[in-house]
Amino acid sequence: MISIKSRREIELMRQTCKLAKSTLEFIGPYVKPGVSTEELNQLCHDYIISHDAYPSPLDYHGFPKSICTSLNEVICHGIPSKKDILKDGDILNIDVTTYLNKFHGDTNKTFLVGNVSDEVKKLVDITYKCMWEGIKVVKPGNRIGDIGARIAELAHGEGYTVVEEYCGHGIGREFHEEPQVVHNAKAGTGPVMKPGMTFTIEPMINLGSRHCLLLDDDWTVITKDKKWSAQFEHTILVTDDGYDVLTLRDEEK
């Protein structure tokens, strides 16, 4: 069942999403060579707690940390670690979800660490564009599948692949709600978008094959061919005549 938020619930969603986006803005300057992903995790944890909120990933189905840090060939759900030290040329996705006033807000960004190769910069740039192309499809009457169809069209046209096993999702009182937002879908399929729906769009785009592997920690997902992957995510509200990006960062305005 897909939740349609009331005006009051939408206002609460705006508040938690504002905190999620500000957490990503806060952590950005710390993403540099020599820093461990565990350090980034602790900084984000402290920032979220200091704003009277809770990091949604922590203890979610046993996840041990407060953010996800997905480095290079890691597609998603990377676990922060003291052993993962950022190096010049890396890319790092930081995925932040906040729980404030009983609502979740979810967003992520792939950061460039130092001097990144042109090939990888292009991957990150196209992934960001894929997210936005998917967002632009959002309006009442369109179908959820239209989002993934547009994302896949752009990604495949640039020679990249789209991860199919992991997708966007409804969000609100629950971290993960209906509907699922698949990023490689057929246009005209899936639930009809209606005002008051809130969900994430978070395409994972690979340099090589779309296929992935789940590591033994039961969380970290990497590309099967070890080629790099990028991702961006926003939480979206369907409005009466289009969409509102609830996690829009200041740099994007």
C-alpha atoms as a PDB file:
ATOM      1  CA  MET A   1       0.000   0.000   0.000  1.00  0.00           C
ATOM      2  CA  ILE A   2       1.395   3.381  -1.044  1.00  0.00           C
ATOM      3  CA  SER A   3       1.204   6.113   1.583  1.00  0.00           C
ATOM      4  CA  ILE A   4      -0.268   9.475   0.564  1.00  0.00           C
ATOM      5  CA  LYS A   5       1.030  12.107   2.967  1.00  0.00           C
ATOM      6  CA  SER A   6      -1.174  14.756   4.529  1.00  0.00           C
ATOM      7  CA  ARG A   7      -0.118  18.405   4.661  1.00  0.00           C
ATOM      8  CA  ARG A   8       1.148  17.906   8.196  1.00  0.00           C
ATOM      9  CA  GLU A   9       3.084  14.791   7.234  1.00  0.00           C
ATOM     10  CA  ILE A  10       4.610  16.578   4.253  1.00  0.00           C
ATOM     11  CA  GLU A  11       5.820  19.348   6.563  1.00  0.00           C
ATOM     12  CA  LEU A  12       7.458  16.756   8.824  1.00  0.00           C
ATOM     13  CA  MET A  13       9.031  15.132   5.757  1.00  0.00           C
ATOM     14  CA  ARG A  14      10.446  18.515   4.776  1.00  0.00           C
ATOM     15  CA  GLN A  15      12.083  18.873   8.179  1.00  0.00           C
ATOM     16  CA  THR A  16      13.816  15.499   8.208  1.00  0.00           C
ATOM     17  CA  CYS A  17      14.851  15.854   4.562  1.00  0.00           C
ATOM     18  CA  LYS A  18      16.329  19.264   5.311  1.00  0.00           C
ATOM     19  CA  LEU A  19      18.469  17.670   8.019  1.00  0.00           C
ATOM     20  CA  ALA A  20      19.555  14.850   5.693  1.00  0.00           C
ATOM     21  CA  LYS A  21      20.693  17.288   3.010  1.00  0.00           C
ATOM     22  CA  SER A  22      22.457  19.511   5.540  1.00  0.00           C
ATOM     23  CA  THR A  23      24.331  16.459   6.856  1.00  0.00           C
ATOM     24  CA  LEU A  24      25.650  15.790   3.335  1.00  0.00           C
ATOM     25  CA  GLU A  25      26.632  19.453   3.024  1.00  0.00           C
ATOM     26  CA  PHE A  26      28.353  19.322   6.407  1.00  0.00           C
ATOM     27  CA  ILE A  27      30.441  16.239   5.615  1.00  0.00           C
ATOM     28  CA  GLY A  28      31.637  17.374   2.188  1.00  0.00           C
ATOM     29  CA  PRO A  29      34.768  19.285   3.307  1.00  0.00           C
ATOM     30  CA  TYR A  30      35.975  16.230   5.241  1.00  0.00           C
ATOM     31  CA  VAL A  31      35.963  13.959   2.165  1.00  0.00           C
ATOM     32  CA  LYS A  32      39.634  14.113   1.215  1.00  0.00           C
ATOM     33  CA  PRO A  33      42.685  11.854   0.942  1.00  0.00           C
ATOM     34  CA  GLY A  34      43.898  10.388   4.246  1.00  0.00           C
ATOM     35  CA  VAL A  35      40.498  10.347   5.955  1.00  0.00           C
ATOM     36  CA  SER A  36      38.902   7.027   6.909  1.00  0.00           C
ATOM     37  CA  THR A  37      35.294   6.231   6.202  1.00  0.00           C
ATOM     38  CA  GLU A  38      34.862   5.511   9.921  1.00  0.00           C
ATOM     39  CA  GLU A  39      35.859   9.121  10.667  1.00  0.00           C
ATOM     40  CA  LEU A  40      33.205  10.320   8.224  1.00  0.00           C
ATOM     41  CA  ASN A  41      30.667   8.031   9.864  1.00  0.00           C
ATOM     42  CA  GLN A  42      31.387   9.416  13.335  1.00  0.00           C
ATOM     43  CA  LEU A  43      31.185  13.013  12.139  1.00  0.00           C
ATOM     44  CA  CYS A  44      27.807  12.399  10.494  1.00  0.00           C
ATOM     45  CA  HIS A  45      26.545  10.467  13.518  1.00  0.00           C
ATOM     46  CA  ASP A  46      27.441  13.292  15.888  1.00  0.00           C
ATOM     47  CA  TYR A  47      25.941  15.911  13.557  1.00  0.00           C
ATOM     48  CA  ILE A  48      22.621  14.080  13.275  1.00  0.00           C
ATOM     49  CA  ILE A  49      22.380  13.367  17.008  1.00  0.00           C
ATOM     50  CA  SER A  50      23.183  17.009  17.790  1.00  0.00           C
ATOM     51  CA  HIS A  51      20.063  17.970  15.819  1.00  0.00           C
ATOM     52  CA  ASP A  52      17.828  15.796  18.015  1.00  0.00           C
ATOM     53  CA  ALA A  53      17.493  13.152  15.328  1.00  0.00           C
ATOM     54  CA  TYR A  54      18.691   9.585  14.787  1.00  0.00           C
ATOM     55  CA  PRO A  55      20.655   8.071  11.873  1.00  0.00           C
ATOM     56  CA  SER A  56      18.173   5.678  10.272  1.00  0.00           C
ATOM     57  CA  PRO A  57      20.731   3.090   9.053  1.00  0.00           C
ATOM     58  CA  LEU A  58      22.141   2.433  12.540  1.00  0.00           C
ATOM     59  CA  ASP A  59      20.882  -0.984  13.687  1.00  0.00           C
ATOM     60  CA  TYR A  60      18.485  -1.160  10.717  1.00  0.00           C
ATOM     61  CA  HIS A  61      18.199  -4.930  10.206  1.00  0.00           C
ATOM     62  CA  GLY A  62      21.573  -5.102  11.949  1.00  0.00           C
ATOM     63  CA  PHE A  63      23.479  -2.512   9.897  1.00  0.00           C
ATOM     64  CA  PRO A  64      26.344  -1.469  12.215  1.00  0.00           C
ATOM     65  CA  LYS A  65      26.949   2.162  11.254  1.00  0.00           C
ATOM     66  CA  SER A  66      25.161   5.497  10.866  1.00  0.00           C
ATOM     67  CA  ILE A  67      25.824   6.115   7.160  1.00  0.00           C
ATOM     68  CA  CYS A  68      26.710   4.019   4.135  1.00  0.00           C
ATOM     69  CA  THR A  69      30.093   4.702   2.514  1.00  0.00           C
ATOM     70  CA  SER A  70      30.487   3.060  -0.895  1.00  0.00           C
ATOM     71  CA  LEU A  71      33.980   3.348  -2.331  1.00  0.00           C
ATOM     72  CA  ASN A  72      34.902   2.903  -6.015  1.00  0.00           C
ATOM     73  CA  GLU A  73      33.611  -0.549  -7.069  1.00  0.00           C
ATOM     74  CA  VAL A  74      31.154  -0.663  -4.153  1.00  0.00           C
ATOM     75  CA  ILE A  75      27.672  -0.103  -5.557  1.00  0.00           C
ATOM     76  CA  CYS A  76      25.822   0.479  -2.289  1.00  0.00           C
ATOM     77  CA  HIS A  77      25.570  -0.306   1.431  1.00  0.00           C
ATOM     78  CA  GLY A  78      29.298  -0.016   2.113  1.00  0.00           C
ATOM     79  CA  ILE A  79      30.108  -0.202   5.832  1.00  0.00           C
ATOM     80  CA  PRO A  80      32.341   2.568   7.223  1.00  0.00           C
ATOM     81  CA  SER A  81      35.686   1.266   8.476  1.00  0.00           C
ATOM     82  CA  LYS A  82      38.937   2.503   9.983  1.00  0.00           C
ATOM     83  CA  LYS A  83      40.678   0.406   7.315  1.00  0.00           C
ATOM     84  CA  ASP A  84      39.127   2.264   4.380  1.00  0.00           C
ATOM     85  CA  ILE A  85      41.375   5.295   3.962  1.00  0.00           C
ATOM     86  CA  LEU A  86      40.496   7.641   1.111  1.00  0.00           C
ATOM     87  CA  LYS A  87      43.140   8.029  -1.595  1.00  0.00           C
ATOM     88  CA  ASP A  88      43.656  10.594  -4.324  1.00  0.00           C
ATOM     89  CA  GLY A  89      41.548   9.579  -7.325  1.00  0.00           C
ATOM     90  CA  ASP A  90      38.869   7.671  -5.393  1.00  0.00           C
ATOM     91  CA  ILE A  91      35.144   8.235  -5.573  1.00  0.00           C
ATOM     92  CA  LEU A  92      33.003   7.806  -2.469  1.00  0.00           C
ATOM     93  CA  ASN A  93      29.242   7.676  -2.189  1.00  0.00           C
ATOM     94  CA  ILE A  94      27.921   8.833   1.164  1.00  0.00           C
ATOM     95  CA  ASP A  95      24.322   7.824   1.860  1.00  0.00           C
ATOM     96  CA  VAL A  96      22.577   9.668   4.691  1.00  0.00           C
ATOM     97  CA  THR A  97      19.151   8.942   6.136  1.00  0.00           C
ATOM     98  CA  THR A  98      17.797  10.857   9.119  1.00  0.00           C
ATOM     99  CA  TYR A  99      14.925  10.014  11.448  1.00  0.00           C
ATOM    100  CA  LEU A 100      13.370  13.180  12.865  1.00  0.00           C
ATOM    101  CA  ASN A 101       9.885  13.615  14.346  1.00  0.00           C
ATOM    102  CA  LYS A 102       9.050  10.025  13.335  1.00  0.00           C
ATOM    103  CA  PHE A 103       9.836  10.567   9.633  1.00  0.00           C
ATOM    104  CA  HIS A 104      12.792   9.525   7.481  1.00  0.00           C
ATOM    105  CA  GLY A 105      14.687  11.643   4.945  1.00  0.00           C
ATOM    106  CA  ASP A 106      17.114   9.969   2.528  1.00  0.00           C
ATOM    107  CA  THR A 107      19.777  11.351   0.189  1.00  0.00           C
ATOM    108  CA  ASN A 108      23.206  10.497  -1.162  1.00  0.00           C
ATOM    109  CA  LYS A 109      26.015  11.915  -3.257  1.00  0.00           C
ATOM    110  CA  THR A 110      29.113  10.533  -4.950  1.00  0.00           C
ATOM    111  CA  PHE A 111      32.106  12.668  -3.976  1.00  0.00           C
ATOM    112  CA  LEU A 112      35.290  13.039  -6.003  1.00  0.00           C
ATOM    113  CA  VAL A 113      38.376  12.517  -3.827  1.00  0.00           C
ATOM    114  CA  GLY A 114      41.294  14.627  -5.033  1.00  0.00           C
ATOM    115  CA  ASN A 115      42.267  14.263  -8.685  1.00  0.00           C
ATOM    116  CA  VAL A 116      39.857  11.832 -10.344  1.00  0.00           C
ATOM    117  CA  SER A 117      40.385  10.497 -13.875  1.00  0.00           C
ATOM    118  CA  ASP A 118      38.329  11.943 -16.721  1.00  0.00           C
ATOM    119  CA  GLU A 119      36.737   8.528 -17.322  1.00  0.00           C
ATOM    120  CA  VAL A 120      35.447   8.347 -13.770  1.00  0.00           C
ATOM    121  CA  LYS A 121      34.433  12.010 -13.682  1.00  0.00           C
ATOM    122  CA  LYS A 122      32.229  11.350 -16.694  1.00  0.00           C
ATOM    123  CA  LEU A 123      30.631   8.350 -14.965  1.00  0.00           C
ATOM    124  CA  VAL A 124      29.814  10.483 -11.930  1.00  0.00           C
ATOM    125  CA  ASP A 125      28.503  13.333 -14.089  1.00  0.00           C
ATOM    126  CA  ILE A 126      26.237  11.075 -16.142  1.00  0.00           C
ATOM    127  CA  THR A 127      24.948   9.340 -13.002  1.00  0.00           C
ATOM    128  CA  TYR A 128      23.954  12.723 -11.581  1.00  0.00           C
ATOM    129  CA  LYS A 129      22.217  13.579 -14.848  1.00  0.00           C
ATOM    130  CA  CYS A 130      20.437  10.221 -14.792  1.00  0.00           C
ATOM    131  CA  MET A 131      18.987  11.019 -11.379  1.00  0.00           C
ATOM    132  CA  TRP A 132      17.732  14.388 -12.587  1.00  0.00           C
ATOM    133  CA  GLU A 133      16.275  12.969 -15.789  1.00  0.00           C
ATOM    134  CA  GLY A 134      14.345  10.525 -13.628  1.00  0.00           C
ATOM    135  CA  ILE A 135      13.179  13.318 -11.328  1.00  0.00           C
ATOM    136  CA  LYS A 136      11.899  15.402 -14.254  1.00  0.00           C
ATOM    137  CA  VAL A 137       9.486  12.606 -15.167  1.00  0.00           C
ATOM    138  CA  VAL A 138       7.681  12.906 -11.819  1.00  0.00           C
ATOM    139  CA  LYS A 139       4.164  14.341 -11.983  1.00  0.00           C
ATOM    140  CA  PRO A 140       0.647  13.130 -11.237  1.00  0.00           C
ATOM    141  CA  GLY A 141      -0.652  10.703 -13.834  1.00  0.00           C
ATOM    142  CA  ASN A 142       2.753   9.416 -14.903  1.00  0.00           C
ATOM    143  CA  ARG A 143       3.805   5.936 -13.842  1.00  0.00           C
ATOM    144  CA  ILE A 144       6.700   4.887 -11.624  1.00  0.00           C
ATOM    145  CA  GLY A 145       8.174   2.853 -14.495  1.00  0.00           C
ATOM    146  CA  ASP A 146       8.562   6.056 -16.528  1.00  0.00           C
ATOM    147  CA  ILE A 147      11.356   7.099 -14.123  1.00  0.00           C
ATOM    148  CA  GLY A 148      13.506   4.036 -14.721  1.00  0.00           C
ATOM    149  CA  ALA A 149      12.838   4.056 -18.443  1.00  0.00           C
ATOM    150  CA  ARG A 150      14.266   7.552 -18.754  1.00  0.00           C
ATOM    151  CA  ILE A 151      17.252   6.780 -16.535  1.00  0.00           C
ATOM    152  CA  ALA A 152      18.112   3.644 -18.509  1.00  0.00           C
ATOM    153  CA  GLU A 153      17.745   5.471 -21.818  1.00  0.00           C
ATOM    154  CA  LEU A 154      20.343   8.052 -20.811  1.00  0.00           C
ATOM    155  CA  ALA A 155      22.741   5.614 -19.107  1.00  0.00           C
ATOM    156  CA  HIS A 156      22.695   3.069 -21.921  1.00  0.00           C
ATOM    157  CA  GLY A 157      23.084   5.817 -24.488  1.00  0.00           C
ATOM    158  CA  GLU A 158      26.345   6.819 -22.794  1.00  0.00           C
ATOM    159  CA  GLY A 159      27.610   3.228 -22.726  1.00  0.00           C
ATOM    160  CA  TYR A 160      26.946   2.538 -19.043  1.00  0.00           C
ATOM    161  CA  THR A 161      24.836  -0.076 -17.295  1.00  0.00           C
ATOM    162  CA  VAL A 162      22.111   0.275 -14.654  1.00  0.00           C
ATOM    163  CA  VAL A 163      22.008  -1.840 -11.491  1.00  0.00           C
ATOM    164  CA  GLU A 164      18.676  -3.672 -11.336  1.00  0.00           C
ATOM    165  CA  GLU A 165      18.841  -5.525  -8.006  1.00  0.00           C
ATOM    166  CA  TYR A 166      18.654  -2.356  -5.871  1.00  0.00           C
ATOM    167  CA  CYS A 167      16.237   0.492  -6.371  1.00  0.00           C
ATOM    168  CA  GLY A 168      14.539   3.590  -5.013  1.00  0.00           C
ATOM    169  CA  HIS A 169      11.654   3.282  -2.577  1.00  0.00           C
ATOM    170  CA  GLY A 170       8.786   4.985  -0.886  1.00  0.00           C
ATOM    171  CA  ILE A 171       9.742   6.720   2.339  1.00  0.00           C
ATOM    172  CA  GLY A 172       8.001   8.412   5.257  1.00  0.00           C
ATOM    173  CA  ARG A 173       7.142   6.949   8.635  1.00  0.00           C
ATOM    174  CA  GLU A 174       9.001   3.866   7.434  1.00  0.00           C
ATOM    175  CA  PHE A 175      12.551   3.875   6.042  1.00  0.00           C
ATOM    176  CA  HIS A 176      11.425   1.708   3.117  1.00  0.00           C
ATOM    177  CA  GLU A 177       7.827   1.830   1.906  1.00  0.00           C
ATOM    178  CA  GLU A 178       6.010   1.125  -1.334  1.00  0.00           C
ATOM    179  CA  PRO A 179       6.464   1.776  -4.191  1.00  0.00           C
ATOM    180  CA  GLN A 180       9.723   0.330  -5.437  1.00  0.00           C
ATOM    181  CA  VAL A 181      11.378   2.676  -7.930  1.00  0.00           C
ATOM    182  CA  VAL A 182      13.345   0.481 -10.341  1.00  0.00           C
ATOM    183  CA  HIS A 183      15.963   2.403 -12.327  1.00  0.00           C
ATOM    184  CA  ASN A 184      15.778   0.222 -15.450  1.00  0.00           C
ATOM    185  CA  ALA A 185      12.063  -0.081 -16.113  1.00  0.00           C
ATOM    186  CA  LYS A 186       9.553  -0.017 -18.941  1.00  0.00           C
ATOM    187  CA  ALA A 187       7.660   3.216 -19.569  1.00  0.00           C
ATOM    188  CA  GLY A 188       3.970   3.033 -18.788  1.00  0.00           C
ATOM    189  CA  THR A 189       4.371   0.394 -16.086  1.00  0.00           C
ATOM    190  CA  GLY A 190       4.112   0.506 -12.305  1.00  0.00           C
ATOM    191  CA  PRO A 191       1.858   2.502  -9.986  1.00  0.00           C
ATOM    192  CA  VAL A 192       0.406   5.825 -11.081  1.00  0.00           C
ATOM    193  CA  MET A 193       2.017   8.816  -9.355  1.00  0.00           C
ATOM    194  CA  LYS A 194      -0.344  10.815  -7.157  1.00  0.00           C
ATOM    195  CA  PRO A 195       0.063  14.053  -5.159  1.00  0.00           C
ATOM    196  CA  GLY A 196       1.353  13.353  -1.659  1.00  0.00           C
ATOM    197  CA  MET A 197       3.495  10.368  -2.587  1.00  0.00           C
ATOM    198  CA  THR A 198       7.108  10.526  -1.380  1.00  0.00           C
ATOM    199  CA  PHE A 199       9.845   8.260  -2.685  1.00  0.00           C
ATOM    200  CA  THR A 200      13.537   8.195  -3.500  1.00  0.00           C
ATOM    201  CA  ILE A 201      15.180   8.173  -6.907  1.00  0.00           C
ATOM    202  CA  GLU A 202      18.718   6.801  -6.562  1.00  0.00           C
ATOM    203  CA  PRO A 203      20.201   5.299  -9.736  1.00  0.00           C
ATOM    204  CA  MET A 204      23.344   3.167  -9.462  1.00  0.00           C
ATOM    205  CA  ILE A 205      25.287   3.379 -12.728  1.00  0.00           C
ATOM    206  CA  ASN A 206      28.277   1.148 -13.579  1.00  0.00           C
ATOM    207  CA  LEU A 207      31.270   1.595 -15.858  1.00  0.00           C
ATOM    208  CA  GLY A 208      31.177  -2.095 -16.759  1.00  0.00           C
ATOM    209  CA  SER A 209      28.623  -4.870 -16.340  1.00  0.00           C
ATOM    210  CA  ARG A 210      25.430  -4.263 -14.348  1.00  0.00           C
ATOM    211  CA  HIS A 211      25.969  -7.473 -12.376  1.00  0.00           C
ATOM    212  CA  CYS A 212      26.794  -7.312  -8.684  1.00  0.00           C
ATOM    213  CA  LEU A 213      27.994  -9.408  -5.758  1.00  0.00           C
ATOM    214  CA  LEU A 214      26.966  -9.298  -2.103  1.00  0.00           C
ATOM    215  CA  LEU A 215      29.994  -9.654   0.171  1.00  0.00           C
ATOM    216  CA  ASP A 216      30.196 -11.921   3.203  1.00  0.00           C
ATOM    217  CA  ASP A 217      29.219  -9.095   5.569  1.00  0.00           C
ATOM    218  CA  ASP A 218      25.709  -9.400   4.033  1.00  0.00           C
ATOM    219  CA  TRP A 219      25.604  -5.651   3.304  1.00  0.00           C
ATOM    220  CA  THR A 220      28.359  -4.467   0.966  1.00  0.00           C
ATOM    221  CA  VAL A 221      27.415  -4.797  -2.714  1.00  0.00           C
ATOM    222  CA  ILE A 222      30.198  -4.561  -5.312  1.00  0.00           C
ATOM    223  CA  THR A 223      30.335  -4.793  -9.089  1.00  0.00           C
ATOM    224  CA  LYS A 224      31.017  -8.337 -10.265  1.00  0.00           C
ATOM    225  CA  ASP A 225      33.744  -7.132 -12.671  1.00  0.00           C
ATOM    226  CA  LYS A 226      35.237  -4.729 -10.064  1.00  0.00           C
ATOM    227  CA  LYS A 227      34.713  -1.730 -12.348  1.00  0.00           C
ATOM    228  CA  TRP A 228      33.571   1.419 -10.605  1.00  0.00           C
ATOM    229  CA  SER A 229      30.031   2.511  -9.838  1.00  0.00           C
ATOM    230  CA  ALA A 230      28.425   5.856  -8.964  1.00  0.00           C
ATOM    231  CA  GLN A 231      25.116   6.844  -7.386  1.00  0.00           C
ATOM    232  CA  PHE A 232      23.071   9.920  -6.469  1.00  0.00           C
ATOM    233  CA  GLU A 233      19.814  10.112  -4.533  1.00  0.00           C
ATOM    234  CA  HIS A 234      17.086  12.549  -3.610  1.00  0.00           C
ATOM    235  CA  THR A 235      13.784  12.201  -1.763  1.00  0.00           C
ATOM    236  CA  ILE A 236      10.960  13.423  -3.986  1.00  0.00           C
ATOM    237  CA  LEU A 237       7.444  14.665  -3.239  1.00  0.00           C
ATOM    238  CA  VAL A 238       4.781  14.387  -5.939  1.00  0.00           C
ATOM    239  CA  THR A 239       2.956  17.738  -5.983  1.00  0.00           C
ATOM    240  CA  ASP A 240      -0.321  18.738  -7.632  1.00  0.00           C
ATOM    241  CA  ASP A 241       1.451  19.659 -10.855  1.00  0.00           C
ATOM    242  CA  GLY A 242       4.904  18.036 -10.712  1.00  0.00           C
ATOM    243  CA  TYR A 243       7.518  17.398  -8.074  1.00  0.00           C
ATOM    244  CA  ASP A 244       9.435  18.917  -5.186  1.00  0.00           C
ATOM    245  CA  VAL A 245      12.950  17.741  -4.324  1.00  0.00           C
ATOM    246  CA  LEU A 246      12.835  17.624  -0.529  1.00  0.00           C
ATOM    247  CA  THR A 247      16.594  16.976  -0.113  1.00  0.00           C
ATOM    248  CA  LEU A 248      17.792  19.612  -2.603  1.00  0.00           C
ATOM    249  CA  ARG A 249      21.210  20.903  -1.531  1.00  0.00           C
ATOM    250  CA  ASP A 250      22.146  24.590  -1.618  1.00  0.00           C
ATOM    251  CA  GLU A 251      24.717  23.906  -4.361  1.00  0.00           C
ATOM    252  CA  GLU A 252      21.898  22.642  -6.608  1.00  0.00           C
ATOM    253  CA  LYS A 253      19.613  25.656  -6.302  1.00  0.00           C
END
